[in-house]
Amino acid sequence: MKSQPIQYCSMRKFAFLLLGLFLLNQLAAQENAIKISSSTSEKVVIIKENKRIKIKTADGKKLSGLFKITDPHSVFVDNQQIPLTDITEIKRNPLLLSIFSSSFLIYAGAITAGMGAIIGLFAEASGFLLIIPGAALVFAGIKSPNVLKNYKAERDWNFELITTSE
């Protein structure tokens, strides 16, 4: 008979432990994010904290990198704190897309320029003209294009900081 109260007490502790872990998990699962919404089309885009973005500020600065939310009214990008009201344009900038697009364009440009040089030397002089598009591809790869949509404040996109739960 004495084993039942001990077992009941340990079950109660176990239930409180599970409840506490569940609540702790819910608190830890909340993430900060930038909510980008359009007043005209009612579209909403959410970019979670620690993602790569490119931003343009009101004074013309262009910054890119991982962003962190420092307080309810500003973000921290590229070692600079930017107030949300100073941001005029935001664009996602995924690392994999940046690496793939730039390396692909540089590789394709080098092959095109190399083939143009080989054709120009051994087959026909007009093959040297392939060096021009090859150089353009290498330059485009160095500039690292980002084909994702940008969200501009002047086009009725509103930026606000929110907390999301997963």
Protein backbone atom coordinates (compact mmCIF):
# COMPACT_ATOMS: atom_id res chain seq x y z
CA MET A 1 0.00 0.00 0.00
CA LYS A 2 2.84 2.43 0.72
CA SER A 3 4.17 2.10 -2.85
CA GLN A 4 1.08 3.77 -4.32
CA PRO A 5 1.63 7.23 -2.77
CA ILE A 6 5.29 7.22 -3.85
CA GLN A 7 4.30 6.17 -7.37
CA TYR A 8 1.55 8.83 -7.49
CA CYS A 9 3.99 11.50 -6.30
CA SER A 10 6.58 10.58 -8.93
CA MET A 11 3.90 10.57 -11.64
CA ARG A 12 2.87 14.08 -10.60
CA LYS A 13 6.49 15.24 -10.78
CA PHE A 14 6.83 13.61 -14.18
CA ALA A 15 3.68 15.38 -15.44
CA PHE A 16 4.96 18.74 -14.18
CA LEU A 17 8.32 18.05 -15.81
CA LEU A 18 6.64 17.29 -19.16
CA LEU A 19 4.46 20.38 -18.90
CA GLY A 20 7.48 22.53 -18.06
CA LEU A 21 9.48 21.14 -20.98
CA PHE A 22 6.55 21.75 -23.33
CA LEU A 23 6.21 25.37 -22.21
CA LEU A 24 9.97 25.92 -22.44
CA ASN A 25 9.94 24.49 -25.95
CA GLN A 26 7.14 26.85 -26.97
CA LEU A 27 8.98 29.84 -25.57
CA ALA A 28 12.22 28.89 -27.27
CA ALA A 29 10.51 28.15 -30.59
CA GLN A 30 9.50 31.77 -31.10
CA GLU A 31 11.59 33.54 -33.70
CA ASN A 32 11.90 37.17 -34.69
CA ALA A 33 11.22 38.07 -38.30
CA ILE A 34 10.60 40.90 -40.72
CA LYS A 35 7.04 40.99 -42.01
CA ILE A 36 6.75 42.56 -45.44
CA SER A 37 3.18 43.34 -46.40
CA SER A 38 1.52 45.13 -49.26
CA SER A 39 -1.46 47.33 -48.62
CA THR A 40 -2.64 47.13 -52.23
CA SER A 41 -2.38 43.39 -52.95
CA GLU A 42 -2.61 42.13 -49.35
CA LYS A 43 0.39 39.84 -49.87
CA VAL A 44 2.57 39.02 -46.87
CA VAL A 45 6.18 37.84 -46.93
CA ILE A 46 8.04 36.82 -43.78
CA ILE A 47 11.82 36.68 -43.59
CA LYS A 48 13.04 35.03 -40.40
CA GLU A 49 15.98 36.29 -38.38
CA ASN A 50 19.49 35.05 -39.30
CA LYS A 51 18.65 34.84 -43.00
CA ARG A 52 20.71 36.59 -45.66
CA ILE A 53 19.17 39.78 -47.05
CA LYS A 54 20.18 42.75 -49.16
CA ILE A 55 18.85 46.12 -48.09
CA LYS A 56 19.04 49.63 -49.42
CA THR A 57 18.68 52.53 -47.02
CA ALA A 58 17.24 56.00 -47.47
CA ASP A 59 20.72 57.54 -47.69
CA GLY A 60 21.74 55.17 -50.52
CA LYS A 61 23.76 52.56 -48.58
CA LYS A 62 23.58 49.01 -49.87
CA LEU A 63 24.15 46.33 -47.23
CA SER A 64 23.94 42.56 -47.38
CA GLY A 65 24.41 39.73 -44.95
CA LEU A 66 22.69 37.94 -42.10
CA PHE A 67 20.30 40.15 -40.23
CA LYS A 68 19.54 40.21 -36.53
CA ILE A 69 16.80 42.09 -34.77
CA THR A 70 18.34 44.24 -32.07
CA ASP A 71 15.29 46.08 -30.77
CA PRO A 72 11.65 46.55 -31.81
CA HIS A 73 12.53 49.27 -34.32
CA SER A 74 15.85 48.33 -35.95
CA VAL A 75 17.84 45.51 -37.51
CA PHE A 76 21.56 44.75 -37.48
CA VAL A 77 23.05 43.99 -40.94
CA ASP A 78 26.70 43.96 -41.97
CA ASN A 79 27.86 45.27 -38.56
CA GLN A 80 25.54 48.27 -38.79
CA GLN A 81 22.33 49.01 -36.95
CA ILE A 82 19.64 50.22 -39.35
CA PRO A 83 16.31 51.67 -38.17
CA LEU A 84 13.37 50.04 -39.91
CA THR A 85 12.12 53.43 -41.09
CA ASP A 86 15.37 54.02 -43.03
CA ILE A 87 15.02 50.85 -45.13
CA THR A 88 13.73 51.58 -48.62
CA GLU A 89 14.27 48.17 -50.21
CA ILE A 90 14.64 44.58 -48.97
CA LYS A 91 15.53 41.50 -50.97
CA ARG A 92 16.31 37.95 -49.88
CA ASN A 93 19.84 36.87 -50.68
CA PRO A 94 20.25 33.11 -50.14
CA LEU A 95 23.85 31.95 -49.92
CA LEU A 96 23.36 28.87 -52.11
CA LEU A 97 21.76 30.91 -54.90
CA SER A 98 24.56 33.48 -54.73
CA ILE A 99 27.29 30.86 -54.89
CA PHE A 100 25.60 28.85 -57.64
CA SER A 101 24.73 31.80 -59.87
CA SER A 102 28.11 33.51 -59.58
CA SER A 103 30.20 30.36 -59.98
CA PHE A 104 28.08 29.15 -62.91
CA LEU A 105 28.38 32.46 -64.73
CA ILE A 106 32.13 32.72 -64.15
CA TYR A 107 32.64 29.12 -65.29
CA ALA A 108 30.46 29.60 -68.41
CA GLY A 109 32.24 32.86 -69.25
CA ALA A 110 35.67 31.30 -68.89
CA ILE A 111 34.71 28.39 -71.14
CA THR A 112 33.19 30.73 -73.74
CA ALA A 113 36.24 33.00 -73.77
CA GLY A 114 38.60 30.02 -73.88
CA MET A 115 36.73 28.41 -76.75
CA GLY A 116 36.73 31.75 -78.58
CA ALA A 117 40.49 32.01 -78.19
CA ILE A 118 41.04 28.42 -79.38
CA ILE A 119 38.73 28.86 -82.39
CA GLY A 120 40.35 32.21 -83.19
CA LEU A 121 43.86 30.76 -83.08
CA PHE A 122 43.30 27.47 -84.90
CA ALA A 123 40.19 27.78 -87.07
CA GLU A 124 38.92 31.24 -87.95
CA ALA A 125 39.78 34.75 -86.76
CA SER A 126 36.12 35.60 -86.11
CA GLY A 127 36.22 33.11 -83.24
CA PHE A 128 37.88 35.82 -81.17
CA LEU A 129 34.47 37.52 -81.04
CA LEU A 130 33.36 34.86 -78.52
CA ILE A 131 35.68 36.48 -76.01
CA ILE A 132 33.25 39.43 -75.70
CA PRO A 133 30.26 37.42 -74.40
CA GLY A 134 32.66 35.33 -72.30
CA ALA A 135 33.98 38.46 -70.61
CA ALA A 136 30.42 39.69 -70.08
CA LEU A 137 29.49 36.40 -68.38
CA VAL A 138 32.55 36.57 -66.12
CA PHE A 139 31.67 40.17 -65.19
CA ALA A 140 28.05 39.17 -64.47
CA GLY A 141 29.31 36.33 -62.27
CA ILE A 142 31.55 38.68 -60.32
CA LYS A 143 28.65 41.10 -59.76
CA SER A 144 26.63 38.12 -58.44
CA PRO A 145 23.10 38.77 -59.71
CA ASN A 146 20.11 38.15 -57.46
CA VAL A 147 16.98 37.27 -59.42
CA LEU A 148 14.66 37.23 -56.41
CA LYS A 149 11.94 39.84 -55.97
CA ASN A 150 12.81 43.02 -54.13
CA TYR A 151 10.31 44.79 -51.91
CA LYS A 152 10.41 48.58 -52.11
CA ALA A 153 8.79 50.95 -49.65
CA GLU A 154 7.89 53.30 -52.50
CA ARG A 155 5.71 50.55 -54.03
CA ASP A 156 3.48 50.33 -50.93
CA TRP A 157 5.44 47.57 -49.17
CA ASN A 158 5.40 47.98 -45.39
CA PHE A 159 8.15 46.56 -43.15
CA GLU A 160 7.56 45.59 -39.53
CA LEU A 161 9.27 43.37 -36.98
CA ILE A 162 7.27 40.47 -35.57
CA THR A 163 7.71 37.39 -33.42
CA THR A 164 6.64 34.12 -35.00
CA SER A 165 6.08 30.71 -33.47
CA GLU A 166 7.13 27.65 -35.41
